[in-house]
Each structure stands twice: as structure tokens, then as C-alpha cells.
Amino acid sequence: MSTFEREMQDPDFAKTHQEEYRELALSELLLTLMEEDDKSVRQLAKEAGVSAIATQNIRSGKSEDMRLKIFVGVVSALGYNIVLEKDGHRIPFSPSPS
């Protein structure tokens, strides 16, 4: 068993690792999407209707408990839609207008 596998048996370590991994994954996803569209933090923030600071915090992985409205705005500004999927059934996510 590797050191990582042993550490993951500790529930506190595993929980912290999962939270940090989700934050990193979201940050990496945003960086990739921004690079694909050649968008700056300020440009994306303006198009998403959020502050440049909020966008930079997402991009750098510093954003904790991001509001769904912000996430949907950023994803939409990058030209993507959110789809909920379970057992092969797909439902497009359309937030209600604010």
C-alpha cells in the first residue's frame, strides 16, 4: 500500500484531499477554457457579469463555496452549458433569470 493510500484511509485527510482536489480541478478547468477562448480575467469577468476579483479567485483556486450564479455566469460566458446527467438521462440546466 502506498503512502497516499494509507493517508486516504484517514477520514479527515480524505475529506480535506477531496475538497482541495475539487478546487484545483475547477481552477484547471477554468484555465483551460480561458486559454481555448483566449480570454483574459477581465474580459471573462465582464462577459460573465462578475467582478474580476471573483474570476481571478476561481482561476487561482482561492474561491471557496462559489455561488452557483457566479459559476453559471462564467461557464456561460465561455460558451458552455451545464447538463445534469444520471444513468444516461441528460437534463440541460437553465437557471431562472434573476
C-alpha atoms as a PDB file:
ATOM      1  CA  MET A   1       0.000   0.000   0.000  1.00  0.00           C
ATOM      2  CA  SER A   2       1.371   3.415  -0.964  1.00  0.00           C
ATOM      3  CA  THR A   3       1.734   6.291   1.482  1.00  0.00           C
ATOM      4  CA  PHE A   4      -1.115   8.090  -0.283  1.00  0.00           C
ATOM      5  CA  GLU A   5      -3.402   5.042   0.032  1.00  0.00           C
ATOM      6  CA  ARG A   6      -2.606   4.813   3.749  1.00  0.00           C
ATOM      7  CA  GLU A   7      -3.281   8.537   4.237  1.00  0.00           C
ATOM      8  CA  MET A   8      -6.598   8.259   2.373  1.00  0.00           C
ATOM      9  CA  GLN A   9      -7.799   5.763   4.988  1.00  0.00           C
ATOM     10  CA  ASP A  10      -7.904   8.641   7.480  1.00  0.00           C
ATOM     11  CA  PRO A  11     -11.388  10.206   7.033  1.00  0.00           C
ATOM     12  CA  ASP A  12     -10.168  13.725   7.894  1.00  0.00           C
ATOM     13  CA  PHE A  13      -7.298  13.511   5.415  1.00  0.00           C
ATOM     14  CA  ALA A  14      -9.547  12.059   2.714  1.00  0.00           C
ATOM     15  CA  LYS A  15     -12.151  14.816   3.166  1.00  0.00           C
ATOM     16  CA  THR A  16      -9.543  17.582   3.016  1.00  0.00           C
ATOM     17  CA  HIS A  17      -7.930  15.992  -0.029  1.00  0.00           C
ATOM     18  CA  GLN A  18     -11.254  15.750  -1.882  1.00  0.00           C
ATOM     19  CA  GLU A  19     -12.113  19.395  -1.151  1.00  0.00           C
ATOM     20  CA  GLU A  20      -8.706  20.602  -2.299  1.00  0.00           C
ATOM     21  CA  TYR A  21      -8.852  18.406  -5.395  1.00  0.00           C
ATOM     22  CA  ARG A  22     -12.260  19.820  -6.411  1.00  0.00           C
ATOM     23  CA  GLU A  23     -10.937  23.375  -6.042  1.00  0.00           C
ATOM     24  CA  LEU A  24      -7.864  22.523  -8.124  1.00  0.00           C
ATOM     25  CA  ALA A  25      -9.945  20.747 -10.775  1.00  0.00           C
ATOM     26  CA  LEU A  26     -12.277  23.747 -11.124  1.00  0.00           C
ATOM     27  CA  SER A  27      -9.324  26.118 -11.347  1.00  0.00           C
ATOM     28  CA  GLU A  28      -7.637  23.963 -14.001  1.00  0.00           C
ATOM     29  CA  LEU A  29     -10.889  23.671 -15.958  1.00  0.00           C
ATOM     30  CA  LEU A  30     -11.343  27.433 -15.971  1.00  0.00           C
ATOM     31  CA  LEU A  31      -7.718  27.989 -17.056  1.00  0.00           C
ATOM     32  CA  THR A  32      -8.144  25.537 -19.927  1.00  0.00           C
ATOM     33  CA  LEU A  33     -11.414  27.090 -21.097  1.00  0.00           C
ATOM     34  CA  MET A  34      -9.959  30.600 -20.885  1.00  0.00           C
ATOM     35  CA  GLU A  35      -6.920  29.550 -22.913  1.00  0.00           C
ATOM     36  CA  GLU A  36      -9.100  27.867 -25.552  1.00  0.00           C
ATOM     37  CA  ASP A  37     -11.111  31.086 -25.987  1.00  0.00           C
ATOM     38  CA  ASP A  38      -8.073  33.352 -25.461  1.00  0.00           C
ATOM     39  CA  LYS A  39      -9.931  35.316 -22.760  1.00  0.00           C
ATOM     40  CA  SER A  40      -8.357  37.421 -20.059  1.00  0.00           C
ATOM     41  CA  VAL A  41      -9.631  37.501 -16.480  1.00  0.00           C
ATOM     42  CA  ARG A  42     -11.085  40.985 -17.001  1.00  0.00           C
ATOM     43  CA  GLN A  43     -12.724  40.111 -20.308  1.00  0.00           C
ATOM     44  CA  LEU A  44     -14.285  36.959 -18.864  1.00  0.00           C
ATOM     45  CA  ALA A  45     -15.448  38.799 -15.735  1.00  0.00           C
ATOM     46  CA  LYS A  46     -17.137  41.476 -17.828  1.00  0.00           C
ATOM     47  CA  GLU A  47     -18.892  38.928 -20.051  1.00  0.00           C
ATOM     48  CA  ALA A  48     -19.943  36.818 -17.048  1.00  0.00           C
ATOM     49  CA  GLY A  49     -21.227  39.813 -15.100  1.00  0.00           C
ATOM     50  CA  VAL A  50     -18.962  39.147 -12.118  1.00  0.00           C
ATOM     51  CA  SER A  51     -16.025  41.016 -10.635  1.00  0.00           C
ATOM     52  CA  ALA A  52     -12.510  40.483 -11.952  1.00  0.00           C
ATOM     53  CA  ILE A  53     -11.501  39.578  -8.389  1.00  0.00           C
ATOM     54  CA  ALA A  54     -14.107  36.782  -8.243  1.00  0.00           C
ATOM     55  CA  THR A  55     -12.915  35.456 -11.607  1.00  0.00           C
ATOM     56  CA  GLN A  56      -9.263  35.628 -10.548  1.00  0.00           C
ATOM     57  CA  ASN A  57     -10.071  33.802  -7.297  1.00  0.00           C
ATOM     58  CA  ILE A  58     -11.751  30.998  -9.248  1.00  0.00           C
ATOM     59  CA  ARG A  59      -8.843  30.867 -11.684  1.00  0.00           C
ATOM     60  CA  SER A  60      -6.268  30.686  -8.886  1.00  0.00           C
ATOM     61  CA  GLY A  61      -8.205  28.143  -6.823  1.00  0.00           C
ATOM     62  CA  LYS A  62      -8.808  30.598  -3.961  1.00  0.00           C
ATOM     63  CA  SER A  63     -12.576  30.662  -4.351  1.00  0.00           C
ATOM     64  CA  GLU A  64     -14.360  28.733  -1.627  1.00  0.00           C
ATOM     65  CA  ASP A  65     -18.033  27.845  -1.778  1.00  0.00           C
ATOM     66  CA  MET A  66     -18.569  29.600  -5.091  1.00  0.00           C
ATOM     67  CA  ARG A  67     -22.151  30.650  -5.688  1.00  0.00           C
ATOM     68  CA  LEU A  68     -23.918  28.806  -8.465  1.00  0.00           C
ATOM     69  CA  LYS A  69     -24.830  32.115 -10.110  1.00  0.00           C
ATOM     70  CA  ILE A  70     -21.151  33.008 -10.491  1.00  0.00           C
ATOM     71  CA  PHE A  71     -20.208  29.564 -11.802  1.00  0.00           C
ATOM     72  CA  VAL A  72     -23.068  29.550 -14.327  1.00  0.00           C
ATOM     73  CA  GLY A  73     -22.169  33.075 -15.445  1.00  0.00           C
ATOM     74  CA  VAL A  74     -18.531  32.186 -16.020  1.00  0.00           C
ATOM     75  CA  VAL A  75     -19.334  28.935 -17.808  1.00  0.00           C
ATOM     76  CA  SER A  76     -21.956  30.652 -19.987  1.00  0.00           C
ATOM     77  CA  ALA A  77     -19.542  33.476 -20.862  1.00  0.00           C
ATOM     78  CA  LEU A  78     -17.164  30.813 -22.134  1.00  0.00           C
ATOM     79  CA  GLY A  79     -19.924  29.430 -24.358  1.00  0.00           C
ATOM     80  CA  TYR A  80     -20.713  26.287 -22.370  1.00  0.00           C
ATOM     81  CA  ASN A  81     -23.930  24.883 -20.951  1.00  0.00           C
ATOM     82  CA  ILE A  82     -24.327  22.853 -17.794  1.00  0.00           C
ATOM     83  CA  VAL A  83     -26.003  19.471 -18.131  1.00  0.00           C
ATOM     84  CA  LEU A  84     -27.143  17.244 -15.279  1.00  0.00           C
ATOM     85  CA  GLU A  85     -26.755  13.569 -16.121  1.00  0.00           C
ATOM     86  CA  LYS A  86     -27.835  10.415 -14.349  1.00  0.00           C
ATOM     87  CA  ASP A  87     -27.984   6.903 -15.764  1.00  0.00           C
ATOM     88  CA  GLY A  88     -27.689   8.231 -19.314  1.00  0.00           C
ATOM     89  CA  HIS A  89     -30.540  10.720 -18.860  1.00  0.00           C
ATOM     90  CA  ARG A  90     -29.421  14.290 -19.580  1.00  0.00           C
ATOM     91  CA  ILE A  91     -31.183  17.446 -18.388  1.00  0.00           C
ATOM     92  CA  PRO A  92     -29.879  20.852 -19.503  1.00  0.00           C
ATOM     93  CA  PHE A  93     -29.502  23.174 -16.532  1.00  0.00           C
ATOM     94  CA  SER A  94     -31.152  26.526 -17.086  1.00  0.00           C
ATOM     95  CA  PRO A  95     -31.105  28.776 -14.045  1.00  0.00           C
ATOM     96  CA  SER A  96     -34.046  31.073 -13.610  1.00  0.00           C
ATOM     97  CA  PRO A  97     -33.349  34.662 -14.589  1.00  0.00           C
ATOM     98  CA  SER A  98     -32.536  36.971 -11.706  1.00  0.00           C
END
